[in-house]
Amino acid sequence: MRARVVLACALLSLPALMAATACGKGDAKASLPAEPPARPIAERLAVVTNEPGAPEQPAKTALRAPASSNATLTGTTEPHRRSTLMPVVPGIVDKILFAEGQSVKAGDPLVVLKTEDFVLRVRQAEAGVEAATAQYDAAALAYERMRSLRGKEAIAQGQLDQVEAGYKAAKAGLSNAKVMSDMAHKALRDTTIYCPYDAVVTHRLISEGESALTMPPSPLAVIEQTGLLDLKLQVSATELGRLGVGTPLVVRFPATNQDVKAKVDYVVPSANPGSRTFTIIVELPNADGSLKAGLYAEARLDPAAHPAEATR
């Protein structure tokens, strides 16, 4: 405060001093004391705000602390694959061959539908193939005879063309009958729903005696592949520059007190519209089942692979 008063008094007395000097000597030229070189605004502001008696200090510019180069990334484990099994053909559920929480292998039967209707369809289709085969054989024999007669000019060309058309129709009918038979056999096989990969059954959604529909489809069970888990971590744009495919990480699971060494397997190149963060995916082998889906995890750069980053 005192420094402001002194500065104001000096500015007020400056015009009086100039007038007195000019009146004292007419032939003398008025002169002003040499002004000191202009100082930066920050230093001049520092002089005004200094406490009385304190030496003048240049103004300091506040600097923002740099972001940590070894920030903790958080995420949650997810199954590498999750599937909701649906029926391919409609039917009545005959058998359920699994329980919730059970581990199943690829190719294991899980649900069996009643097969009586589908067995009858197979028999009908096979009978259709037999009938179509007989018609084809008769048409083929007639066509060969007419070709022979036409070679001897015993019949007109029109007669041969008519027999040939019947032969081609019989051939197409046989092909159609075989397709219908294949479809009937496939429908019979589809009455059993198999596990598509090694997994754990997490939800049972149907029971014996219930109708399994295809329009709309009735969910039968939910399976998850837990032998391999995906950890999805959210990364800011500044951190993304230090993380790429193959970057070593140490993943910690506070709930189980486990530390797992891993690496970045995938980087999603598009930011999430809501959070403006990027997603990186870490695949965690879990053959022993020690990790569970849905666990909260914290990941950092592996200090053994990035000693300089870890000490910052």
Protein backbone atom coordinates (compact mmCIF):
# COMPACT_ATOMS: atom_id res chain seq x y z
CA MET A 1 0.00 0.00 0.00
CA ARG A 2 2.80 2.43 0.88
CA ALA A 3 4.48 1.70 -2.43
CA ARG A 4 1.32 2.77 -4.29
CA VAL A 5 1.19 6.11 -2.39
CA VAL A 6 4.85 6.91 -3.14
CA LEU A 7 4.37 6.13 -6.82
CA ALA A 8 1.28 8.40 -7.03
CA CYS A 9 3.06 11.34 -5.33
CA ALA A 10 5.97 11.09 -7.73
CA LEU A 11 3.64 11.23 -10.71
CA LEU A 12 1.80 14.34 -9.34
CA SER A 13 5.03 16.32 -8.64
CA LEU A 14 6.48 15.72 -12.08
CA PRO A 15 4.60 18.63 -13.87
CA ALA A 16 5.52 21.14 -11.12
CA LEU A 17 9.17 20.22 -11.38
CA MET A 18 9.13 20.74 -15.14
CA ALA A 19 7.48 24.21 -14.80
CA ALA A 20 9.96 25.43 -12.16
CA THR A 21 12.90 24.45 -14.27
CA ALA A 22 11.56 26.30 -17.31
CA CYS A 23 10.90 29.57 -15.38
CA GLY A 24 14.35 29.67 -13.71
CA LYS A 25 16.38 30.08 -16.86
CA GLY A 26 14.83 31.34 -20.08
CA ASP A 27 17.73 30.28 -22.24
CA ALA A 28 18.08 26.89 -20.70
CA LYS A 29 16.37 23.95 -22.32
CA ALA A 30 13.95 22.04 -20.24
CA SER A 31 15.17 18.52 -19.59
CA LEU A 32 13.65 15.52 -17.94
CA PRO A 33 15.45 12.82 -16.12
CA ALA A 34 16.24 9.88 -18.32
CA GLU A 35 13.58 7.24 -18.08
CA PRO A 36 14.73 3.79 -17.16
CA PRO A 37 14.16 1.13 -19.78
CA ALA A 38 10.68 -0.24 -19.79
CA ARG A 39 10.32 -3.38 -17.79
CA PRO A 40 8.00 -6.27 -18.58
CA ILE A 41 4.46 -5.84 -17.37
CA ALA A 42 4.81 -8.83 -15.08
CA GLU A 43 7.79 -7.17 -13.27
CA ARG A 44 5.96 -3.83 -12.94
CA LEU A 45 2.98 -5.56 -11.45
CA ALA A 46 5.30 -7.37 -9.08
CA VAL A 47 6.72 -4.00 -7.84
CA VAL A 48 3.25 -2.69 -7.03
CA THR A 49 2.26 -5.79 -5.14
CA ASN A 50 5.50 -6.18 -3.19
CA GLU A 51 5.26 -5.66 0.55
CA PRO A 52 7.00 -2.55 1.96
CA GLY A 53 10.74 -3.06 2.27
CA ALA A 54 10.75 -6.30 0.30
CA PRO A 55 13.09 -6.52 -2.69
CA GLU A 56 11.49 -6.47 -6.08
CA GLN A 57 10.92 -9.94 -7.54
CA PRO A 58 9.96 -10.75 -11.11
CA ALA A 59 6.48 -12.10 -11.55
CA LYS A 60 6.24 -15.89 -11.55
CA THR A 61 4.14 -17.80 -14.07
CA ALA A 62 2.13 -20.69 -12.66
CA LEU A 63 2.96 -23.99 -14.38
CA ARG A 64 0.65 -26.96 -14.53
CA ALA A 65 2.16 -30.17 -13.22
CA PRO A 66 2.65 -32.73 -15.97
CA ALA A 67 0.32 -35.67 -16.04
CA SER A 68 1.63 -38.91 -14.62
CA SER A 69 3.28 -41.01 -17.27
CA ASN A 70 2.38 -44.23 -15.44
CA ALA A 71 -1.34 -43.65 -14.86
CA THR A 72 -3.56 -46.45 -13.62
CA LEU A 73 -6.03 -47.79 -16.17
CA THR A 74 -9.19 -49.46 -14.93
CA GLY A 75 -11.58 -51.91 -16.46
CA THR A 76 -13.63 -55.07 -15.97
CA THR A 77 -13.03 -58.58 -17.25
CA GLU A 78 -15.48 -60.04 -19.75
CA PRO A 79 -15.82 -63.49 -21.35
CA HIS A 80 -13.94 -63.75 -24.61
CA ARG A 81 -17.14 -65.10 -26.16
CA ARG A 82 -20.72 -65.15 -24.93
CA SER A 83 -23.55 -66.87 -26.82
CA THR A 84 -27.28 -67.26 -26.33
CA LEU A 85 -28.25 -70.61 -27.85
CA MET A 86 -31.45 -70.68 -29.93
CA PRO A 87 -33.31 -73.58 -31.61
CA VAL A 88 -32.90 -74.03 -35.35
CA VAL A 89 -36.18 -75.93 -35.70
CA PRO A 90 -39.31 -75.60 -33.56
CA GLY A 91 -40.28 -78.39 -31.21
CA ILE A 92 -40.98 -79.57 -27.69
CA VAL A 93 -38.00 -79.81 -25.35
CA ASP A 94 -37.40 -83.47 -24.52
CA LYS A 95 -34.12 -83.39 -22.57
CA ILE A 96 -31.88 -80.82 -20.89
CA LEU A 97 -28.35 -82.21 -20.66
CA PHE A 98 -26.64 -79.50 -18.61
CA ALA A 99 -26.84 -77.56 -15.36
CA GLU A 100 -26.06 -73.93 -14.64
CA GLY A 101 -22.37 -73.47 -13.84
CA GLN A 102 -21.38 -76.67 -15.64
CA SER A 103 -18.34 -76.70 -17.93
CA VAL A 104 -19.09 -78.07 -21.38
CA LYS A 105 -16.93 -78.95 -24.35
CA ALA A 106 -17.33 -78.11 -28.01
CA GLY A 107 -19.70 -80.64 -29.59
CA ASP A 108 -21.43 -81.66 -26.36
CA PRO A 109 -25.24 -82.02 -26.73
CA LEU A 110 -27.08 -79.54 -24.50
CA VAL A 111 -30.77 -79.64 -25.48
CA VAL A 112 -32.75 -82.36 -27.30
CA LEU A 113 -36.17 -81.76 -28.86
CA LYS A 114 -38.80 -84.44 -29.48
CA THR A 115 -38.01 -86.13 -32.80
CA GLU A 116 -41.17 -88.06 -33.79
CA ASP A 117 -42.40 -85.49 -36.32
CA PHE A 118 -38.95 -85.08 -37.83
CA VAL A 119 -38.45 -88.84 -38.22
CA LEU A 120 -41.71 -89.04 -40.16
CA ARG A 121 -40.60 -86.20 -42.41
CA VAL A 122 -37.39 -88.05 -43.16
CA ARG A 123 -39.31 -91.20 -44.12
CA GLN A 124 -41.60 -89.14 -46.36
CA ALA A 125 -38.65 -87.47 -48.07
CA GLU A 126 -36.92 -90.80 -48.62
CA ALA A 127 -40.08 -92.18 -50.21
CA GLY A 128 -40.16 -89.17 -52.49
CA VAL A 129 -36.60 -89.90 -53.58
CA GLU A 130 -37.55 -93.48 -54.43
CA ALA A 131 -40.50 -92.37 -56.52
CA ALA A 132 -38.46 -89.72 -58.31
CA THR A 133 -35.74 -92.26 -59.00
CA ALA A 134 -38.22 -94.65 -60.62
CA GLN A 135 -39.61 -91.88 -62.83
CA TYR A 136 -36.14 -90.84 -63.84
CA ASP A 137 -35.09 -94.37 -64.74
CA ALA A 138 -38.20 -94.82 -66.92
CA ALA A 139 -37.70 -91.47 -68.62
CA ALA A 140 -34.02 -92.17 -69.24
CA LEU A 141 -34.82 -95.58 -70.80
CA ALA A 142 -37.47 -94.06 -73.05
CA TYR A 143 -35.15 -91.30 -74.12
CA GLU A 144 -32.40 -93.73 -75.10
CA ARG A 145 -34.82 -95.81 -77.17
CA MET A 146 -36.18 -92.78 -79.01
CA ARG A 147 -32.68 -91.55 -79.76
CA SER A 148 -31.90 -94.95 -81.30
CA LEU A 149 -35.03 -94.86 -83.43
CA ARG A 150 -34.34 -91.33 -84.50
CA GLY A 151 -30.90 -92.41 -85.62
CA LYS A 152 -32.59 -94.89 -87.92
CA GLU A 153 -35.06 -92.20 -89.01
CA ALA A 154 -37.87 -94.35 -87.71
CA ILE A 155 -39.50 -91.48 -85.78
CA ALA A 156 -39.89 -87.78 -86.31
CA GLN A 157 -37.71 -85.26 -84.52
CA GLY A 158 -40.75 -83.87 -82.70
CA GLN A 159 -41.33 -87.19 -80.97
CA LEU A 160 -37.73 -87.30 -79.77
CA ASP A 161 -37.96 -83.72 -78.46
CA GLN A 162 -41.06 -84.57 -76.46
CA VAL A 163 -39.44 -87.60 -74.85
CA GLU A 164 -36.28 -85.62 -74.14
CA ALA A 165 -38.32 -82.94 -72.30
CA GLY A 166 -39.91 -85.64 -70.14
CA TYR A 167 -36.46 -87.06 -69.38
CA LYS A 168 -35.14 -83.64 -68.27
CA ALA A 169 -38.19 -83.07 -66.07
CA ALA A 170 -37.69 -86.45 -64.40
CA LYS A 171 -34.05 -85.63 -63.79
CA ALA A 172 -34.94 -82.30 -62.17
CA GLY A 173 -37.61 -84.02 -60.07
CA LEU A 174 -35.06 -86.49 -58.76
CA SER A 175 -32.67 -83.67 -57.84
CA ASN A 176 -35.48 -81.85 -56.00
CA ALA A 177 -36.45 -85.00 -54.12
CA LYS A 178 -32.86 -85.49 -52.96
CA VAL A 179 -32.72 -81.88 -51.73
CA MET A 180 -35.95 -82.38 -49.78
CA SER A 181 -34.48 -85.52 -48.26
CA ASP A 182 -31.32 -83.67 -47.23
CA MET A 183 -33.41 -80.93 -45.62
CA ALA A 184 -35.44 -83.47 -43.69
CA HIS A 185 -32.31 -85.17 -42.39
CA LYS A 186 -30.83 -81.81 -41.40
CA ALA A 187 -34.00 -80.85 -39.51
CA LEU A 188 -33.78 -84.14 -37.63
CA ARG A 189 -30.16 -83.42 -36.69
CA ASP A 190 -31.11 -79.88 -35.61
CA THR A 191 -33.40 -81.27 -32.93
CA THR A 192 -30.24 -81.60 -30.87
CA ILE A 193 -28.50 -78.35 -29.93
CA TYR A 194 -24.77 -78.73 -29.46
CA CYS A 195 -22.21 -76.57 -27.69
CA PRO A 196 -20.25 -74.54 -30.28
CA TYR A 197 -17.05 -74.14 -28.17
CA ASP A 198 -15.57 -74.93 -24.77
CA ALA A 199 -17.55 -72.86 -22.29
CA VAL A 200 -19.44 -72.62 -19.03
CA VAL A 201 -23.23 -72.59 -18.95
CA THR A 202 -24.18 -69.45 -17.03
CA HIS A 203 -27.97 -69.41 -17.54
CA ARG A 204 -30.58 -72.07 -18.22
CA LEU A 205 -33.58 -70.46 -19.91
CA ILE A 206 -35.90 -73.39 -20.75
CA SER A 207 -37.09 -76.66 -19.24
CA GLU A 208 -38.40 -80.04 -20.40
CA GLY A 209 -41.86 -79.94 -21.92
CA GLU A 210 -41.68 -76.30 -23.02
CA SER A 211 -42.03 -75.25 -26.63
CA ALA A 212 -38.87 -74.07 -28.34
CA LEU A 213 -39.90 -71.65 -31.05
CA THR A 214 -38.01 -70.18 -33.96
CA MET A 215 -40.32 -67.22 -34.74
CA PRO A 216 -39.68 -65.47 -32.45
CA PRO A 217 -36.74 -67.59 -31.30
CA SER A 218 -36.84 -69.01 -27.80
CA PRO A 219 -33.52 -68.67 -25.92
CA LEU A 220 -32.38 -71.99 -24.49
CA ALA A 221 -29.18 -71.22 -22.57
CA VAL A 222 -26.34 -68.72 -22.24
CA ILE A 223 -22.76 -69.96 -22.43
CA GLU A 224 -19.53 -68.06 -21.86
CA GLN A 225 -15.96 -68.84 -22.81
CA THR A 226 -13.99 -68.24 -19.62
CA GLY A 227 -10.78 -70.03 -20.55
CA LEU A 228 -9.82 -66.70 -22.12
CA LEU A 229 -11.01 -63.39 -20.67
CA ASP A 230 -11.03 -59.93 -22.24
CA LEU A 231 -10.06 -56.93 -20.13
CA LYS A 232 -11.30 -53.70 -21.70
CA LEU A 233 -9.49 -50.59 -20.43
CA GLN A 234 -10.52 -47.00 -21.05
CA VAL A 235 -7.61 -44.76 -22.11
CA SER A 236 -7.45 -41.02 -22.63
CA ALA A 237 -6.07 -39.59 -25.86
CA THR A 238 -2.85 -38.47 -24.11
CA GLU A 239 -2.20 -41.93 -22.70
CA LEU A 240 -3.03 -43.66 -25.99
CA GLY A 241 0.22 -42.40 -27.52
CA ARG A 242 2.21 -44.56 -25.09
CA LEU A 243 0.10 -47.69 -25.48
CA GLY A 244 0.05 -49.87 -28.55
CA VAL A 245 -0.36 -53.49 -29.53
CA GLY A 246 2.21 -55.52 -27.58
CA THR A 247 2.80 -52.97 -24.78
CA PRO A 248 3.61 -54.96 -21.58
CA LEU A 249 1.31 -54.33 -18.62
CA VAL A 250 0.85 -55.51 -15.06
CA VAL A 251 -2.81 -56.13 -14.23
CA ARG A 252 -3.87 -56.17 -10.59
CA PHE A 253 -7.15 -57.60 -9.28
CA PRO A 254 -7.86 -56.06 -5.86
CA ALA A 255 -10.68 -58.53 -5.11
CA THR A 256 -8.41 -61.58 -5.38
CA ASN A 257 -5.08 -59.85 -4.65
CA GLN A 258 -3.61 -61.17 -7.90
CA ASP A 259 -1.02 -59.57 -10.19
CA VAL A 260 -0.97 -60.81 -13.77
CA LYS A 261 1.50 -59.84 -16.48
CA ALA A 262 -0.13 -59.23 -19.83
CA LYS A 263 0.13 -57.15 -22.98
CA VAL A 264 -2.13 -55.01 -25.13
CA ASP A 265 -3.73 -57.18 -27.81
CA TYR A 266 -6.07 -54.75 -29.57
CA VAL A 267 -6.55 -50.98 -29.73
CA VAL A 268 -9.94 -49.67 -30.84
CA PRO A 269 -9.03 -46.69 -33.07
CA SER A 270 -12.33 -44.84 -32.54
CA ALA A 271 -13.11 -42.88 -29.38
CA ASN A 272 -16.25 -43.54 -27.33
CA PRO A 273 -18.70 -40.74 -28.20
CA GLY A 274 -19.78 -40.15 -24.60
CA SER A 275 -16.51 -40.25 -22.66
CA ARG A 276 -14.12 -39.34 -25.52
CA THR A 277 -11.84 -42.15 -24.34
CA PHE A 278 -10.37 -45.03 -26.31
CA THR A 279 -10.67 -48.74 -25.55
CA ILE A 280 -7.74 -51.14 -25.44
CA ILE A 281 -8.31 -54.88 -25.06
CA VAL A 282 -6.06 -57.22 -23.07
CA GLU A 283 -6.58 -60.96 -23.46
CA LEU A 284 -5.96 -62.90 -20.23
CA PRO A 285 -5.43 -66.70 -20.43
CA ASN A 286 -7.52 -68.38 -17.73
CA ALA A 287 -7.20 -72.10 -18.25
CA ASP A 288 -7.20 -72.79 -14.49
CA GLY A 289 -10.28 -70.66 -13.90
CA SER A 290 -8.62 -68.55 -11.22
CA LEU A 291 -10.03 -65.37 -12.75
CA LYS A 292 -13.71 -64.67 -13.09
CA ALA A 293 -15.70 -62.58 -15.53
CA GLY A 294 -16.84 -59.27 -14.09
CA LEU A 295 -13.77 -58.62 -11.89
CA TYR A 296 -12.58 -55.04 -11.47
CA ALA A 297 -8.95 -54.64 -12.57
CA GLU A 298 -6.23 -51.99 -12.48
CA ALA A 299 -3.46 -51.96 -15.09
CA ARG A 300 -0.12 -50.14 -15.27
CA LEU A 301 2.91 -50.29 -17.52
CA ASP A 302 5.13 -53.20 -16.58
CA PRO A 303 8.01 -51.59 -14.60
CA ALA A 304 10.38 -54.36 -15.69
CA ALA A 305 9.80 -53.49 -19.35
CA HIS A 306 9.54 -49.69 -18.79
CA PRO A 307 11.91 -48.78 -15.94
CA ALA A 308 12.09 -45.10 -16.98
CA GLU A 309 8.31 -44.77 -17.04
CA ALA A 310 7.88 -46.51 -13.69
CA THR A 311 10.22 -44.08 -11.85
CA ARG A 312 8.43 -40.94 -12.98
